[in-house]
Amino acid sequence: VFAVATNYVLDPEASAIGTIPLGQSWYDLLDRAQLVVGESEFVIGCMNADEHTASLLSAEPGSAMLTMEQVIRDDRGRLYNFAFVASRGDRNSIVSRARRGNESGHPL
């Protein structure tokens, strides 16, 4: 395990994803629940791992961790998801892709 993520989701979106298993990715889950991602914002930082986070990631307490806080809003700007991610600093690669399609599902 190189990262742990905790997502907090408001209702009614939380109810929409409640019975859907996490598969390919968080965004895939939201898509399968027919939830709109109008905007996704990340704040990227770093911290030293506390004992609990270090134990989850098989790291030493005090190890460098990359952190991310994410907010997802719908197409009206309503915030419905907040996530916190801690990732080992020595096992990391970040790829970020966001795409919003038009009504036919094709990119704008």
N, C-alpha and C. Protein backbone atom coordinates (compact mmCIF):
# COMPACT_ATOMS: atom_id res chain seq x y z
N VAL A 1 0.85 -1.18 0.00
CA VAL A 1 0.00 0.00 0.00
C VAL A 1 0.89 1.23 0.00
N PHE A 2 0.66 2.12 -0.95
CA PHE A 2 1.47 3.34 -1.01
C PHE A 2 0.68 4.59 -0.65
N ALA A 3 -0.66 4.47 -0.52
CA ALA A 3 -1.48 5.63 -0.19
C ALA A 3 -2.77 5.18 0.49
N VAL A 4 -3.32 6.08 1.29
CA VAL A 4 -4.64 5.87 1.88
C VAL A 4 -5.45 7.13 1.61
N ALA A 5 -6.73 6.94 1.30
CA ALA A 5 -7.62 8.06 1.01
C ALA A 5 -8.90 7.90 1.81
N THR A 6 -9.39 9.02 2.29
CA THR A 6 -10.67 9.06 2.99
C THR A 6 -11.53 10.09 2.29
N ASN A 7 -12.70 9.67 1.83
CA ASN A 7 -13.65 10.56 1.18
C ASN A 7 -14.86 10.78 2.08
N TYR A 8 -15.29 12.02 2.16
CA TYR A 8 -16.50 12.39 2.88
C TYR A 8 -17.47 12.91 1.83
N VAL A 9 -18.64 12.27 1.72
CA VAL A 9 -19.59 12.60 0.67
C VAL A 9 -20.92 12.98 1.31
N LEU A 10 -21.49 14.10 0.84
CA LEU A 10 -22.79 14.56 1.34
C LEU A 10 -23.93 13.80 0.67
N ASP A 11 -25.07 13.77 1.32
CA ASP A 11 -26.29 13.27 0.69
C ASP A 11 -26.86 14.36 -0.20
N PRO A 12 -27.48 14.03 -1.29
CA PRO A 12 -27.94 12.72 -1.72
C PRO A 12 -26.87 11.91 -2.48
N GLU A 13 -25.73 12.51 -2.75
CA GLU A 13 -24.68 11.80 -3.48
C GLU A 13 -24.18 10.58 -2.72
N ALA A 14 -24.06 10.68 -1.40
CA ALA A 14 -23.59 9.54 -0.60
C ALA A 14 -24.54 8.36 -0.75
N SER A 15 -25.83 8.61 -0.76
CA SER A 15 -26.79 7.52 -0.95
C SER A 15 -26.67 6.92 -2.34
N ALA A 16 -26.36 7.75 -3.33
CA ALA A 16 -26.24 7.26 -4.71
C ALA A 16 -25.07 6.31 -4.88
N ILE A 17 -24.00 6.49 -4.11
CA ILE A 17 -22.83 5.61 -4.26
C ILE A 17 -22.79 4.50 -3.23
N GLY A 18 -23.70 4.55 -2.26
CA GLY A 18 -23.66 3.64 -1.12
C GLY A 18 -23.65 2.16 -1.44
N THR A 19 -24.27 1.74 -2.51
CA THR A 19 -24.35 0.32 -2.83
C THR A 19 -23.45 -0.07 -4.00
N ILE A 20 -22.70 0.88 -4.53
CA ILE A 20 -21.84 0.60 -5.68
C ILE A 20 -20.43 0.29 -5.20
N PRO A 21 -19.88 -0.86 -5.55
CA PRO A 21 -18.51 -1.18 -5.12
C PRO A 21 -17.47 -0.31 -5.84
N LEU A 22 -16.43 0.04 -5.10
CA LEU A 22 -15.32 0.77 -5.71
C LEU A 22 -14.59 -0.17 -6.64
N GLY A 23 -14.42 0.23 -7.87
CA GLY A 23 -13.76 -0.62 -8.86
C GLY A 23 -12.50 0.02 -9.37
N GLN A 24 -12.58 0.53 -10.58
CA GLN A 24 -11.42 1.07 -11.29
C GLN A 24 -10.85 2.33 -10.64
N SER A 25 -11.73 3.27 -10.24
CA SER A 25 -11.27 4.52 -9.64
C SER A 25 -12.44 5.22 -8.98
N TRP A 26 -12.14 6.24 -8.20
CA TRP A 26 -13.18 7.03 -7.55
C TRP A 26 -14.05 7.70 -8.60
N TYR A 27 -13.43 8.25 -9.66
CA TYR A 27 -14.19 8.91 -10.72
C TYR A 27 -15.09 7.93 -11.45
N ASP A 28 -14.64 6.70 -11.65
CA ASP A 28 -15.46 5.67 -12.27
C ASP A 28 -16.68 5.38 -11.39
N LEU A 29 -16.48 5.31 -10.09
CA LEU A 29 -17.58 5.10 -9.16
C LEU A 29 -18.60 6.22 -9.28
N LEU A 30 -18.14 7.46 -9.29
CA LEU A 30 -19.05 8.59 -9.42
C LEU A 30 -19.81 8.53 -10.74
N ASP A 31 -19.12 8.16 -11.80
CA ASP A 31 -19.74 8.04 -13.11
C ASP A 31 -20.82 6.94 -13.11
N ARG A 32 -20.51 5.79 -12.53
CA ARG A 32 -21.49 4.70 -12.47
C ARG A 32 -22.70 5.08 -11.63
N ALA A 33 -22.54 5.99 -10.67
CA ALA A 33 -23.65 6.48 -9.85
C ALA A 33 -24.36 7.65 -10.54
N GLN A 34 -23.90 8.00 -11.72
CA GLN A 34 -24.46 9.10 -12.52
C GLN A 34 -24.35 10.44 -11.80
N LEU A 35 -23.23 10.63 -11.09
CA LEU A 35 -22.96 11.89 -10.43
C LEU A 35 -22.06 12.74 -11.30
N VAL A 36 -22.34 14.02 -11.36
CA VAL A 36 -21.60 14.94 -12.20
C VAL A 36 -20.40 15.51 -11.44
N VAL A 37 -19.24 15.48 -12.06
CA VAL A 37 -18.06 16.17 -11.55
C VAL A 37 -17.91 17.44 -12.38
N GLY A 38 -18.42 18.53 -11.85
CA GLY A 38 -18.31 19.80 -12.56
C GLY A 38 -16.95 20.43 -12.36
N GLU A 39 -16.36 20.20 -11.18
CA GLU A 39 -15.06 20.77 -10.85
C GLU A 39 -14.40 19.91 -9.79
N SER A 40 -13.10 19.72 -9.92
CA SER A 40 -12.32 19.00 -8.93
C SER A 40 -11.08 19.84 -8.63
N GLU A 41 -10.85 20.10 -7.36
CA GLU A 41 -9.72 20.94 -6.95
C GLU A 41 -8.85 20.16 -5.97
N PHE A 42 -7.54 20.23 -6.18
CA PHE A 42 -6.58 19.57 -5.29
C PHE A 42 -5.68 20.61 -4.63
N VAL A 43 -5.39 20.39 -3.36
CA VAL A 43 -4.33 21.11 -2.65
C VAL A 43 -3.31 20.05 -2.30
N ILE A 44 -2.09 20.21 -2.79
CA ILE A 44 -1.03 19.22 -2.59
C ILE A 44 -0.02 19.76 -1.61
N GLY A 45 0.36 18.96 -0.65
CA GLY A 45 1.32 19.38 0.36
C GLY A 45 2.15 18.21 0.85
N CYS A 46 2.71 18.36 2.03
CA CYS A 46 3.48 17.26 2.62
C CYS A 46 3.39 17.37 4.13
N MET A 47 3.70 16.23 4.78
CA MET A 47 3.70 16.17 6.24
C MET A 47 4.57 15.00 6.65
N ASN A 48 4.87 14.94 7.91
CA ASN A 48 5.53 13.76 8.46
C ASN A 48 4.46 12.81 8.98
N ALA A 49 4.62 11.53 8.71
CA ALA A 49 3.61 10.54 9.08
C ALA A 49 3.49 10.41 10.59
N ASP A 50 2.25 10.41 11.06
CA ASP A 50 2.01 10.07 12.46
C ASP A 50 2.05 8.54 12.58
N GLU A 51 1.94 8.03 13.79
CA GLU A 51 2.05 6.58 14.01
C GLU A 51 0.97 5.80 13.27
N HIS A 52 -0.25 6.29 13.28
CA HIS A 52 -1.35 5.57 12.63
C HIS A 52 -1.17 5.53 11.12
N THR A 53 -0.90 6.68 10.50
CA THR A 53 -0.71 6.72 9.05
C THR A 53 0.49 5.89 8.64
N ALA A 54 1.57 5.99 9.41
CA ALA A 54 2.77 5.19 9.11
C ALA A 54 2.45 3.70 9.15
N SER A 55 1.67 3.26 10.14
CA SER A 55 1.35 1.84 10.22
C SER A 55 0.50 1.38 9.05
N LEU A 56 -0.42 2.21 8.59
CA LEU A 56 -1.24 1.86 7.42
C LEU A 56 -0.41 1.72 6.15
N LEU A 57 0.66 2.51 6.06
CA LEU A 57 1.46 2.55 4.84
C LEU A 57 2.79 1.82 4.97
N SER A 58 2.95 1.04 6.03
CA SER A 58 4.21 0.30 6.26
C SER A 58 5.42 1.21 6.16
N ALA A 59 5.33 2.33 6.85
CA ALA A 59 6.41 3.32 6.86
C ALA A 59 6.79 3.62 8.31
N GLU A 60 7.87 4.30 8.48
CA GLU A 60 8.31 4.71 9.81
C GLU A 60 7.60 5.99 10.23
N PRO A 61 7.16 6.10 11.50
CA PRO A 61 6.63 7.38 11.95
C PRO A 61 7.64 8.49 11.70
N GLY A 62 7.16 9.62 11.25
CA GLY A 62 8.04 10.73 10.90
C GLY A 62 8.48 10.73 9.46
N SER A 63 8.16 9.67 8.69
CA SER A 63 8.53 9.60 7.28
C SER A 63 7.80 10.68 6.48
N ALA A 64 8.44 11.13 5.41
CA ALA A 64 7.82 12.13 4.54
C ALA A 64 6.62 11.54 3.82
N MET A 65 5.49 12.25 3.86
CA MET A 65 4.27 11.85 3.17
C MET A 65 3.81 13.00 2.28
N LEU A 66 3.40 12.65 1.09
CA LEU A 66 2.74 13.60 0.21
C LEU A 66 1.27 13.60 0.60
N THR A 67 0.68 14.78 0.74
CA THR A 67 -0.73 14.87 1.10
C THR A 67 -1.50 15.58 0.01
N MET A 68 -2.74 15.20 -0.11
CA MET A 68 -3.64 15.87 -1.04
C MET A 68 -4.99 16.04 -0.37
N GLU A 69 -5.55 17.21 -0.53
CA GLU A 69 -6.93 17.46 -0.14
C GLU A 69 -7.68 17.76 -1.43
N GLN A 70 -8.83 17.14 -1.58
CA GLN A 70 -9.60 17.31 -2.80
C GLN A 70 -11.03 17.71 -2.48
N VAL A 71 -11.55 18.61 -3.29
CA VAL A 71 -12.94 19.00 -3.23
C VAL A 71 -13.54 18.74 -4.61
N ILE A 72 -14.70 18.08 -4.63
CA ILE A 72 -15.42 17.88 -5.90
C ILE A 72 -16.75 18.61 -5.79
N ARG A 73 -17.07 19.35 -6.84
CA ARG A 73 -18.33 20.09 -6.93
C ARG A 73 -19.12 19.61 -8.13
N ASP A 74 -20.43 19.74 -8.05
CA ASP A 74 -21.26 19.39 -9.19
C ASP A 74 -21.24 20.52 -10.22
N ASP A 75 -22.03 20.41 -11.26
CA ASP A 75 -22.01 21.43 -12.32
C ASP A 75 -22.66 22.74 -11.92
N ARG A 76 -23.29 22.80 -10.74
CA ARG A 76 -23.82 24.06 -10.22
C ARG A 76 -22.89 24.70 -9.21
N GLY A 77 -21.78 24.03 -8.91
CA GLY A 77 -20.81 24.55 -7.96
C GLY A 77 -21.02 24.07 -6.53
N ARG A 78 -21.98 23.17 -6.32
CA ARG A 78 -22.25 22.65 -4.98
C ARG A 78 -21.21 21.60 -4.61
N LEU A 79 -20.53 21.82 -3.49
CA LEU A 79 -19.53 20.89 -2.99
C LEU A 79 -20.24 19.66 -2.44
N TYR A 80 -19.83 18.46 -2.91
CA TYR A 80 -20.43 17.26 -2.34
C TYR A 80 -19.41 16.20 -1.92
N ASN A 81 -18.13 16.42 -2.19
CA ASN A 81 -17.12 15.43 -1.80
C ASN A 81 -15.87 16.16 -1.31
N PHE A 82 -15.37 15.72 -0.16
CA PHE A 82 -14.07 16.18 0.34
C PHE A 82 -13.25 14.93 0.61
N ALA A 83 -12.01 14.94 0.16
CA ALA A 83 -11.14 13.78 0.37
C ALA A 83 -9.80 14.23 0.93
N PHE A 84 -9.22 13.35 1.75
CA PHE A 84 -7.86 13.56 2.25
C PHE A 84 -7.07 12.32 1.89
N VAL A 85 -5.89 12.53 1.30
CA VAL A 85 -5.03 11.43 0.86
C VAL A 85 -3.65 11.62 1.48
N ALA A 86 -3.09 10.53 1.99
CA ALA A 86 -1.69 10.51 2.44
C ALA A 86 -0.99 9.43 1.63
N SER A 87 0.16 9.78 1.08
CA SER A 87 0.89 8.86 0.21
C SER A 87 2.36 8.84 0.59
N ARG A 88 2.95 7.66 0.54
CA ARG A 88 4.37 7.56 0.84
C ARG A 88 5.16 8.43 -0.14
N GLY A 89 6.09 9.19 0.40
CA GLY A 89 6.91 10.06 -0.44
C GLY A 89 7.92 9.31 -1.29
N ASP A 90 8.23 8.07 -0.92
CA ASP A 90 9.23 7.30 -1.66
C ASP A 90 8.61 6.37 -2.70
N ARG A 91 7.31 6.38 -2.83
CA ARG A 91 6.63 5.50 -3.80
C ARG A 91 5.48 6.27 -4.42
N ASN A 92 5.80 7.23 -5.25
CA ASN A 92 4.76 8.12 -5.70
C ASN A 92 4.87 8.49 -7.16
N SER A 93 3.74 8.55 -7.78
CA SER A 93 3.61 9.06 -9.15
C SER A 93 2.20 9.63 -9.25
N ILE A 94 2.07 10.81 -9.75
CA ILE A 94 0.77 11.46 -9.81
C ILE A 94 0.39 11.70 -11.27
N VAL A 95 -0.81 11.26 -11.61
CA VAL A 95 -1.40 11.56 -12.91
C VAL A 95 -2.75 12.18 -12.63
N SER A 96 -3.01 13.32 -13.19
CA SER A 96 -4.29 13.97 -12.97
C SER A 96 -4.90 14.28 -14.33
N ARG A 97 -6.12 13.81 -14.52
CA ARG A 97 -6.82 14.08 -15.77
C ARG A 97 -8.26 14.41 -15.43
N ALA A 98 -8.76 15.48 -15.98
CA ALA A 98 -10.15 15.85 -15.78
C ALA A 98 -10.75 16.17 -17.14
N ARG A 99 -11.95 15.66 -17.35
CA ARG A 99 -12.61 15.92 -18.62
C ARG A 99 -14.09 16.04 -18.35
N ARG A 100 -14.66 17.01 -18.96
CA ARG A 100 -16.10 17.18 -18.86
C ARG A 100 -16.65 17.18 -20.26
N GLY A 101 -17.62 16.34 -20.52
CA GLY A 101 -18.19 16.22 -21.84
C GLY A 101 -19.42 17.07 -22.02
N ASN A 102 -19.86 17.19 -23.29
CA ASN A 102 -21.12 17.85 -23.55
C ASN A 102 -22.25 16.84 -23.37
N GLU A 103 -23.48 17.19 -23.72
CA GLU A 103 -24.62 16.31 -23.46
C GLU A 103 -24.49 14.94 -24.14
N SER A 104 -23.76 14.87 -25.25
CA SER A 104 -23.61 13.58 -25.94
C SER A 104 -22.48 12.76 -25.34
N GLY A 105 -21.80 13.31 -24.33
CA GLY A 105 -20.72 12.58 -23.69
C GLY A 105 -19.35 12.81 -24.32
N HIS A 106 -19.31 13.58 -25.38
CA HIS A 106 -18.03 13.86 -26.04
C HIS A 106 -17.37 15.07 -25.41
N PRO A 107 -16.02 15.09 -25.40
CA PRO A 107 -15.34 16.25 -24.82
C PRO A 107 -15.75 17.54 -25.50
N LEU A 108 -15.82 18.60 -24.74
CA LEU A 108 -16.16 19.92 -25.28
C LEU A 108 -15.08 20.45 -26.18
